Amino acid sequence: MTLDRRTFVLAGLAMMPASLSRAQSTNTIRIGVITDMSGVYRDVSGPTTVACVQQAADEFMAQTPDIKVEILTADHQNKPDVGLTIIRQWFDRGGVDLIENVGNSSIALGSRGIIEEKRKAALITTAGSSDLTGKSCSPNWVHWSWDSWCLAHSTATSLVRVGGDRWFFITADYAFGHAAEADASRFVKAAGGKVLGAVRYPLGSTADFSSYLLQAQSSGANVIAFANSGSELIACLKQAQEFGIEGSGVRLAAMVGYVTDVLGMGLPVAKGLSLTETFYWDLNERTRGFTKRVKPRLAANVLPNMSQAGDYAGVLHYLKAVKELGVAQAKADGRAVIELMKRMPTDDDAFGAGRIRADGRKIHPAYLFEVKKPEESRGAGDVYKLVSTMPADEAFRPEADGACPLVRS
């Protein structure tokens, strides 16, 4: 069967049973993975996200066989109306207890009222807006993996310190792009650099970024920063290489970049790119162990990125809280599960030990990487050089600065 956007939207709804038996509903947790299965962010979330969620569920059920976990999947198509319709229908008719990934900031921010109204829970991993744990925080969700503040802080501050002090932004015109540009601009200026300009384009509107790149070049910037992701970031970098920008002494920086992007474009295109991730498959023995376990579920030559690792780690922590709280109470009150998740220390093979703050922000270190040149790589998947580590207590925006109503002054 050929799978397209409509297939995945319908699959997410068609999998919902019309009625659930009493025995089944009392010991079954349903997780709705709403993600991009066919659009510009398919590779940075999509099928690998689903595989990582299933890995967490299977590991949990192997240890806790009396609790069953069912996974539903739908494609939000990067359209808020589509995504919010799916979420509401999952809650109203599908017995879904947790929505997961929510890989679009507009959909994530728009879903808050529905999630709170239905007393459900959400685990957000790919949506990047720092507002999710700031002015738009919710007691019903956790934001795992990364956000625009974290990546901008690490990447911008470090690059200005090594001479990248004149910036130009190429920005996707939606919530995440705006937040990433705003956060990075603030850190550039705070570190003593300047922002010389920016250009915005509608998400998914073009594959030709040549005019934007030429505008960036002519600005006199020595850093061109891309506040986009997925296939659009890849297209920008390929065209930058064609114009010889990387070899001209101008640094290229991704405000959000993934190992999946780097693998997709190859080292000849991505070489020298600066980016921050909070997970890398080859970082240590535990990250390699997780990757080895999930690899059989993935397509050939695919490795999990920080968001997809967060899908695994976050779901595993959620399910541990469900076990502690009890399935019946967890299904009745998603907010209670989130509250318990915040009280419980986190520990998993993807991120190691960590914690969740009152504002819903999951805390762990962040790592600034530089993409290796082809001759520096030892083989497939060996793509990053670790440049610097931002410790967990510095990697994310201070809790008091986010204006989250959940944080007591």
Protein backbone atom coordinates (compact mmCIF):
# COMPACT_ATOMS: atom_id res chain seq x y z
CA MET A 1 0.00 0.00 0.00
CA THR A 2 1.30 3.46 -0.86
CA LEU A 3 1.39 5.70 2.21
CA ASP A 4 0.67 9.39 1.80
CA ARG A 5 -0.48 12.20 4.08
CA ARG A 6 -4.13 11.27 3.84
CA THR A 7 -3.30 7.65 4.66
CA PHE A 8 -1.63 8.59 7.91
CA VAL A 9 -4.30 11.06 8.96
CA LEU A 10 -6.98 8.47 8.34
CA ALA A 11 -4.91 5.70 9.91
CA GLY A 12 -4.64 7.65 13.13
CA LEU A 13 -8.41 7.96 13.27
CA ALA A 14 -9.38 4.60 11.84
CA MET A 15 -7.30 2.75 14.42
CA MET A 16 -9.52 4.15 17.16
CA PRO A 17 -11.97 1.49 18.32
CA ALA A 18 -15.61 2.49 18.47
CA SER A 19 -15.85 1.02 21.95
CA LEU A 20 -13.38 -0.41 24.43
CA SER A 21 -13.98 -3.40 26.65
CA ARG A 22 -13.86 -2.78 30.38
CA ALA A 23 -10.96 -5.20 30.87
CA GLN A 24 -9.00 -3.65 28.06
CA SER A 25 -9.53 -0.06 29.16
CA THR A 26 -8.49 -0.66 32.76
CA ASN A 27 -4.95 -1.77 31.99
CA THR A 28 -4.17 -0.16 28.63
CA ILE A 29 -2.46 3.16 28.04
CA ARG A 30 -2.94 4.69 24.59
CA ILE A 31 -0.33 7.03 23.17
CA GLY A 32 -1.14 9.11 20.11
CA VAL A 33 1.98 10.03 18.14
CA ILE A 34 1.09 13.08 16.07
CA THR A 35 3.98 13.95 13.81
CA ASP A 36 5.10 14.79 10.28
CA MET A 37 4.98 11.57 8.26
CA SER A 38 5.31 13.04 4.78
CA GLY A 39 6.30 16.71 4.87
CA VAL A 40 9.47 18.75 5.32
CA TYR A 41 10.09 17.37 8.84
CA ARG A 42 9.43 13.71 8.05
CA ASP A 43 13.06 12.71 8.50
CA VAL A 44 13.59 14.62 11.75
CA SER A 45 10.49 13.07 13.33
CA GLY A 46 8.15 10.80 11.31
CA PRO A 47 8.73 7.03 11.10
CA THR A 48 11.83 7.10 13.32
CA THR A 49 9.84 8.89 16.02
CA VAL A 50 7.23 6.13 15.87
CA ALA A 51 9.97 3.48 16.10
CA CYS A 52 11.49 5.14 19.17
CA VAL A 53 8.12 5.39 20.91
CA GLN A 54 7.45 1.73 20.17
CA GLN A 55 10.90 0.83 21.53
CA ALA A 56 10.09 2.57 24.82
CA ALA A 57 6.68 0.89 25.01
CA ASP A 58 8.11 -2.56 24.34
CA GLU A 59 10.90 -2.17 26.89
CA PHE A 60 8.38 -0.99 29.48
CA MET A 61 5.92 -3.83 28.77
CA ALA A 62 8.74 -6.39 28.99
CA GLN A 63 9.37 -5.17 32.54
CA THR A 64 5.70 -4.50 33.39
CA PRO A 65 3.58 -7.08 31.53
CA ASP A 66 0.37 -6.24 33.41
CA ILE A 67 0.21 -2.79 31.74
CA LYS A 68 -0.42 -2.69 28.00
CA VAL A 69 0.62 0.19 25.76
CA GLU A 70 -0.96 0.90 22.37
CA ILE A 71 0.50 3.35 19.86
CA LEU A 72 -1.60 5.35 17.39
CA THR A 73 -0.02 7.46 14.64
CA ALA A 74 -1.28 10.39 12.57
CA ASP A 75 0.20 12.95 10.19
CA HIS A 76 -0.59 16.55 11.13
CA GLN A 77 0.61 17.75 7.69
CA ASN A 78 2.10 20.81 9.43
CA LYS A 79 -1.40 22.29 9.40
CA PRO A 80 -2.74 23.49 12.78
CA ASP A 81 -6.38 22.83 11.86
CA VAL A 82 -5.58 19.24 10.85
CA GLY A 83 -3.44 18.61 13.92
CA LEU A 84 -5.92 20.06 16.40
CA THR A 85 -8.81 18.12 14.84
CA ILE A 86 -6.89 14.86 15.21
CA ILE A 87 -5.99 15.61 18.83
CA ARG A 88 -9.58 16.42 19.79
CA GLN A 89 -10.94 13.32 18.06
CA TRP A 90 -8.31 11.13 19.70
CA PHE A 91 -9.36 12.42 23.11
CA ASP A 92 -13.10 12.34 22.40
CA ARG A 93 -13.37 8.95 20.63
CA GLY A 94 -10.04 7.18 20.76
CA GLY A 95 -9.27 6.70 24.41
CA VAL A 96 -5.89 8.41 23.93
CA ASP A 97 -4.20 9.28 27.22
CA LEU A 98 -1.02 10.99 25.97
CA ILE A 99 -0.26 12.86 22.78
CA GLU A 100 3.39 12.62 21.84
CA ASN A 101 5.96 14.38 19.62
CA VAL A 102 3.58 17.14 18.42
CA GLY A 103 6.23 18.17 15.93
CA ASN A 104 5.02 21.65 15.07
CA SER A 105 5.09 24.63 17.44
CA SER A 106 1.85 26.14 16.16
CA ILE A 107 -0.01 22.86 16.77
CA ALA A 108 1.62 22.35 20.16
CA LEU A 109 0.76 25.86 21.34
CA GLY A 110 -2.75 25.60 19.92
CA SER A 111 -3.41 22.27 21.63
CA ARG A 112 -3.01 23.55 25.18
CA GLY A 113 -6.68 24.38 25.71
CA ILE A 114 -7.84 20.99 24.42
CA ILE A 115 -5.32 19.08 26.52
CA GLU A 116 -6.23 20.93 29.70
CA GLU A 117 -9.98 20.77 29.02
CA LYS A 118 -9.82 16.99 28.55
CA ARG A 119 -7.41 16.49 31.50
CA LYS A 120 -4.95 14.69 29.25
CA ALA A 121 -1.14 14.76 29.01
CA ALA A 122 1.32 15.74 26.29
CA LEU A 123 4.98 15.03 25.69
CA ILE A 124 6.44 17.53 23.21
CA THR A 125 9.78 16.75 21.59
CA THR A 126 10.08 18.22 18.07
CA ALA A 127 8.16 21.50 18.44
CA GLY A 128 10.87 23.96 19.39
CA SER A 129 9.30 27.17 20.66
CA SER A 130 10.64 28.13 24.08
CA ASP A 131 7.21 29.63 24.81
CA LEU A 132 6.07 26.07 25.57
CA THR A 133 7.78 26.37 28.96
CA GLY A 134 7.49 30.16 29.12
CA LYS A 135 4.39 32.31 28.83
CA SER A 136 2.44 29.43 27.22
CA CYS A 137 3.49 26.71 29.66
CA SER A 138 0.95 24.12 30.77
CA PRO A 139 0.65 21.88 33.83
CA ASN A 140 -0.40 19.12 31.42
CA TRP A 141 2.76 18.80 29.35
CA VAL A 142 6.50 18.27 29.40
CA HIS A 143 8.89 19.70 26.80
CA TRP A 144 11.72 17.23 26.21
CA SER A 145 14.95 17.23 24.15
CA TRP A 146 15.52 20.89 23.20
CA ASP A 147 13.96 24.27 22.56
CA SER A 148 14.84 27.39 20.60
CA TRP A 149 16.44 29.09 23.64
CA CYS A 150 18.74 26.14 24.36
CA LEU A 151 20.03 25.75 20.80
CA ALA A 152 20.34 29.47 20.18
CA HIS A 153 22.16 30.05 23.46
CA SER A 154 24.72 27.32 22.86
CA THR A 155 25.33 27.99 19.18
CA ALA A 156 25.25 31.80 19.14
CA THR A 157 27.29 32.40 22.28
CA SER A 158 30.00 29.94 21.28
CA LEU A 159 30.34 31.22 17.71
CA VAL A 160 30.61 34.87 18.72
CA ARG A 161 33.39 33.93 21.13
CA VAL A 162 35.44 32.46 18.25
CA GLY A 163 34.95 35.43 15.93
CA GLY A 164 31.55 34.89 14.31
CA ASP A 165 30.25 38.30 15.30
CA ARG A 166 28.22 39.49 12.27
CA TRP A 167 25.03 37.49 11.71
CA PHE A 168 22.34 37.21 9.03
CA PHE A 169 19.28 34.96 9.45
CA ILE A 170 17.33 32.94 6.90
CA THR A 171 14.14 32.11 8.78
CA ALA A 172 11.07 29.94 8.22
CA ASP A 173 8.06 32.21 8.82
CA TYR A 174 6.24 30.36 11.62
CA ALA A 175 6.33 30.10 15.42
CA PHE A 176 9.54 28.13 15.79
CA GLY A 177 11.45 30.15 13.19
CA HIS A 178 10.48 33.41 14.86
CA ALA A 179 11.47 32.13 18.32
CA ALA A 180 14.80 30.74 17.12
CA GLU A 181 15.74 33.98 15.36
CA ALA A 182 14.69 36.12 18.33
CA ASP A 183 16.54 33.98 20.87
CA ALA A 184 19.73 33.76 18.79
CA SER A 185 19.70 37.50 18.03
CA ARG A 186 19.56 38.27 21.73
CA PHE A 187 22.51 35.99 22.51
CA VAL A 188 24.58 37.33 19.60
CA LYS A 189 24.12 40.88 20.89
CA ALA A 190 24.73 39.87 24.50
CA ALA A 191 28.05 38.29 23.47
CA GLY A 192 29.11 41.45 21.64
CA GLY A 193 28.07 40.58 18.09
CA LYS A 194 25.73 42.27 15.62
CA VAL A 195 22.72 41.13 13.60
CA LEU A 196 23.02 42.66 10.13
CA GLY A 197 19.72 41.43 8.73
CA ALA A 198 17.20 38.66 8.21
CA VAL A 199 14.85 37.32 5.57
CA ARG A 200 11.74 35.23 6.19
CA TYR A 201 9.96 32.83 3.84
CA PRO A 202 6.69 30.86 4.26
CA LEU A 203 7.26 27.32 5.54
CA GLY A 204 7.17 24.79 2.71
CA SER A 205 6.88 27.47 0.03
CA THR A 206 10.13 26.99 -1.90
CA ALA A 207 13.14 24.78 -2.55
CA ASP A 208 15.14 27.65 -4.09
CA PHE A 209 16.95 29.69 -1.47
CA SER A 210 19.50 31.26 -3.80
CA SER A 211 18.17 34.81 -3.56
CA TYR A 212 18.18 34.63 0.25
CA LEU A 213 21.74 33.31 0.31
CA LEU A 214 22.93 36.04 -2.03
CA GLN A 215 21.26 38.63 0.19
CA ALA A 216 23.02 37.13 3.22
CA GLN A 217 26.37 37.21 1.43
CA SER A 218 26.00 40.82 0.38
CA SER A 219 25.19 41.90 3.94
CA GLY A 220 28.79 41.44 5.08
CA ALA A 221 27.86 38.79 7.64
CA ASN A 222 30.46 36.26 8.69
CA VAL A 223 27.78 33.89 10.05
CA ILE A 224 24.71 32.85 8.07
CA ALA A 225 22.23 31.27 10.47
CA PHE A 226 19.36 29.07 9.34
CA ALA A 227 16.24 29.19 11.52
CA ASN A 228 14.60 26.27 9.73
CA SER A 229 15.01 22.50 9.65
CA GLY A 230 14.48 19.30 7.76
CA SER A 231 14.53 19.30 3.97
CA GLU A 232 14.56 23.12 3.86
CA LEU A 233 17.78 23.28 5.88
CA ILE A 234 19.32 20.67 3.61
CA ALA A 235 18.35 22.67 0.51
CA CYS A 236 19.90 25.84 2.01
CA LEU A 237 23.19 24.11 2.74
CA LYS A 238 23.42 22.41 -0.64
CA GLN A 239 22.92 25.75 -2.37
CA ALA A 240 25.40 27.44 -0.02
CA GLN A 241 28.01 24.90 -1.07
CA GLU A 242 27.19 25.51 -4.74
CA PHE A 243 27.87 29.22 -4.21
CA GLY A 244 31.12 28.47 -2.37
CA ILE A 245 29.95 30.21 0.79
CA GLU A 246 31.40 27.67 3.22
CA GLY A 247 34.83 27.94 1.59
CA SER A 248 34.77 31.75 1.65
CA GLY A 249 35.34 32.04 5.38
CA VAL A 250 31.67 32.58 6.24
CA ARG A 251 30.45 30.23 8.95
CA LEU A 252 27.17 28.37 8.46
CA ALA A 253 25.09 27.70 11.56
CA ALA A 254 21.86 25.78 12.04
CA MET A 255 19.59 27.09 14.78
CA VAL A 256 18.13 23.61 14.85
CA GLY A 257 20.01 20.85 13.10
CA TYR A 258 19.98 17.11 13.45
CA VAL A 259 22.22 14.18 12.68
CA THR A 260 19.41 13.09 10.36
CA ASP A 261 19.90 16.28 8.34
CA VAL A 262 23.65 15.73 8.16
CA LEU A 263 23.26 12.12 7.06
CA GLY A 264 20.69 13.18 4.49
CA MET A 265 22.91 15.76 2.81
CA GLY A 266 26.26 14.01 3.33
CA LEU A 267 29.53 15.35 4.72
CA PRO A 268 30.65 17.05 1.48
CA VAL A 269 27.64 19.37 1.83
CA ALA A 270 27.40 19.64 5.63
CA LYS A 271 31.13 19.90 6.45
CA GLY A 272 31.94 22.72 8.85
CA LEU A 273 28.33 23.32 9.87
CA SER A 274 27.93 24.38 13.51
CA LEU A 275 24.92 23.12 15.42
CA THR A 276 23.79 22.09 18.88
CA GLU A 277 22.16 18.78 19.80
CA THR A 278 21.32 17.37 23.20
CA PHE A 279 21.86 13.75 22.07
CA TYR A 280 24.31 12.06 19.74
CA TRP A 281 24.24 8.34 19.12
CA ASP A 282 28.03 7.99 19.56
CA LEU A 283 28.40 10.21 22.61
CA ASN A 284 28.96 7.46 25.20
CA GLU A 285 28.27 3.80 25.99
CA ARG A 286 24.67 4.42 27.01
CA THR A 287 23.78 6.36 23.86
CA ARG A 288 25.38 3.64 21.76
CA GLY A 289 23.42 1.01 23.68
CA PHE A 290 20.09 2.72 23.02
CA THR A 291 20.94 3.16 19.35
CA LYS A 292 21.89 -0.51 19.00
CA ARG A 293 18.53 -1.58 20.47
CA VAL A 294 16.38 0.67 18.29
CA LYS A 295 18.41 0.27 15.07
CA PRO A 296 16.56 -2.86 13.83
CA ARG A 297 13.34 -0.82 13.74
CA LEU A 298 14.85 1.91 11.55
CA ALA A 299 15.36 2.23 7.83
CA ALA A 300 18.82 1.54 6.43
CA ASN A 301 21.45 4.19 7.21
CA VAL A 302 19.12 6.00 9.64
CA LEU A 303 20.18 7.05 13.13
CA PRO A 304 18.00 8.69 15.82
CA ASN A 305 18.41 12.41 16.47
CA MET A 306 17.84 14.37 19.68
CA SER A 307 14.07 14.74 19.16
CA GLN A 308 13.63 11.06 18.38
CA ALA A 309 15.78 10.09 21.36
CA GLY A 310 13.46 12.33 23.38
CA ASP A 311 10.47 10.41 22.06
CA TYR A 312 11.99 7.27 23.53
CA ALA A 313 13.20 8.76 26.81
CA GLY A 314 10.10 10.84 27.47
CA VAL A 315 7.66 8.00 26.82
CA LEU A 316 9.68 5.69 29.04
CA HIS A 317 9.59 8.23 31.88
CA TYR A 318 5.85 8.81 31.36
CA LEU A 319 5.17 5.09 31.57
CA LYS A 320 7.23 4.79 34.75
CA ALA A 321 5.02 7.49 36.25
CA VAL A 322 1.88 5.66 35.07
CA LYS A 323 3.08 2.52 36.83
CA GLU A 324 3.75 4.45 40.04
CA LEU A 325 0.43 6.29 39.93
CA GLY A 326 -1.72 3.41 38.69
CA VAL A 327 -3.30 3.06 35.28
CA ALA A 328 -6.81 4.03 36.37
CA GLN A 329 -5.73 7.32 37.94
CA ALA A 330 -3.32 8.04 35.07
CA LYS A 331 -6.12 7.66 32.54
CA ALA A 332 -8.46 9.80 34.61
CA ASP A 333 -6.03 12.66 35.20
CA GLY A 334 -3.18 13.38 32.79
CA ARG A 335 -2.12 16.37 34.87
CA ALA A 336 -1.45 14.08 37.82
CA VAL A 337 0.91 12.01 35.66
CA ILE A 338 2.81 15.14 34.61
CA GLU A 339 3.08 16.28 38.23
CA LEU A 340 4.54 12.90 39.20
CA MET A 341 6.95 12.99 36.25
CA LYS A 342 8.27 16.29 37.60
CA ARG A 343 8.81 14.81 41.06
CA MET A 344 10.58 11.70 39.77
CA PRO A 345 14.25 12.02 38.68
CA THR A 346 14.81 11.00 35.08
CA ASP A 347 17.38 8.44 33.94
CA ASP A 348 17.63 6.74 30.56
CA ASP A 349 20.22 5.60 28.05
CA ALA A 350 19.60 8.51 25.68
CA PHE A 351 20.15 11.46 28.05
CA GLY A 352 21.40 9.94 31.30
CA ALA A 353 20.29 11.39 34.62
CA GLY A 354 18.18 14.54 34.64
CA ARG A 355 15.06 16.21 35.95
CA ILE A 356 11.91 18.05 34.90
CA ARG A 357 11.35 21.56 36.24
CA ALA A 358 8.11 23.09 37.46
CA ASP A 359 7.65 24.85 34.09
CA GLY A 360 7.71 21.48 32.29
CA ARG A 361 11.23 21.86 30.90
CA LYS A 362 13.29 18.64 30.84
CA ILE A 363 16.87 19.49 31.87
CA HIS A 364 20.07 17.87 30.54
CA PRO A 365 23.34 19.04 28.92
CA ALA A 366 23.61 20.48 25.40
CA TYR A 367 26.50 19.89 23.04
CA LEU A 368 27.92 22.18 20.34
CA PHE A 369 29.13 20.08 17.42
CA GLU A 370 30.93 20.80 14.18
CA VAL A 371 30.27 18.52 11.23
CA LYS A 372 33.37 16.61 10.18
CA LYS A 373 35.02 16.82 6.81
CA PRO A 374 34.70 13.60 4.78
CA GLU A 375 38.37 12.70 5.37
CA GLU A 376 37.89 13.02 9.16
CA SER A 377 35.06 10.48 9.37
CA ARG A 378 35.81 6.92 10.43
CA GLY A 379 32.72 5.56 8.68
CA ALA A 380 28.96 5.77 8.29
CA GLY A 381 27.35 7.76 11.11
CA ASP A 382 30.63 9.28 12.37
CA VAL A 383 29.74 12.88 11.55
CA TYR A 384 30.31 15.12 14.60
CA LYS A 385 33.24 16.68 16.41
CA LEU A 386 32.33 17.76 19.93
CA VAL A 387 33.32 21.42 20.33
CA SER A 388 31.91 22.28 23.76
CA THR A 389 29.46 21.07 26.38
CA MET A 390 26.88 23.29 28.05
CA PRO A 391 26.12 21.79 31.49
CA ALA A 392 22.52 20.98 32.35
CA ASP A 393 22.11 23.91 34.75
CA GLU A 394 23.14 26.36 32.00
CA ALA A 395 21.75 24.70 28.89
CA PHE A 396 18.18 25.98 29.19
CA ARG A 397 16.62 29.34 29.97
CA PRO A 398 16.58 30.10 33.71
CA GLU A 399 13.21 29.12 35.10
CA ALA A 400 12.62 32.58 36.56
CA ASP A 401 13.09 34.25 33.16
CA GLY A 402 10.41 32.37 31.26
CA ALA A 403 7.29 34.06 32.67
CA CYS A 404 5.64 30.67 33.20
CA PRO A 405 2.71 31.04 35.62
CA LEU A 406 3.55 27.65 37.17
CA VAL A 407 6.82 28.97 38.57
CA ARG A 408 6.57 30.47 42.01
CA SER A 409 8.55 33.67 42.49
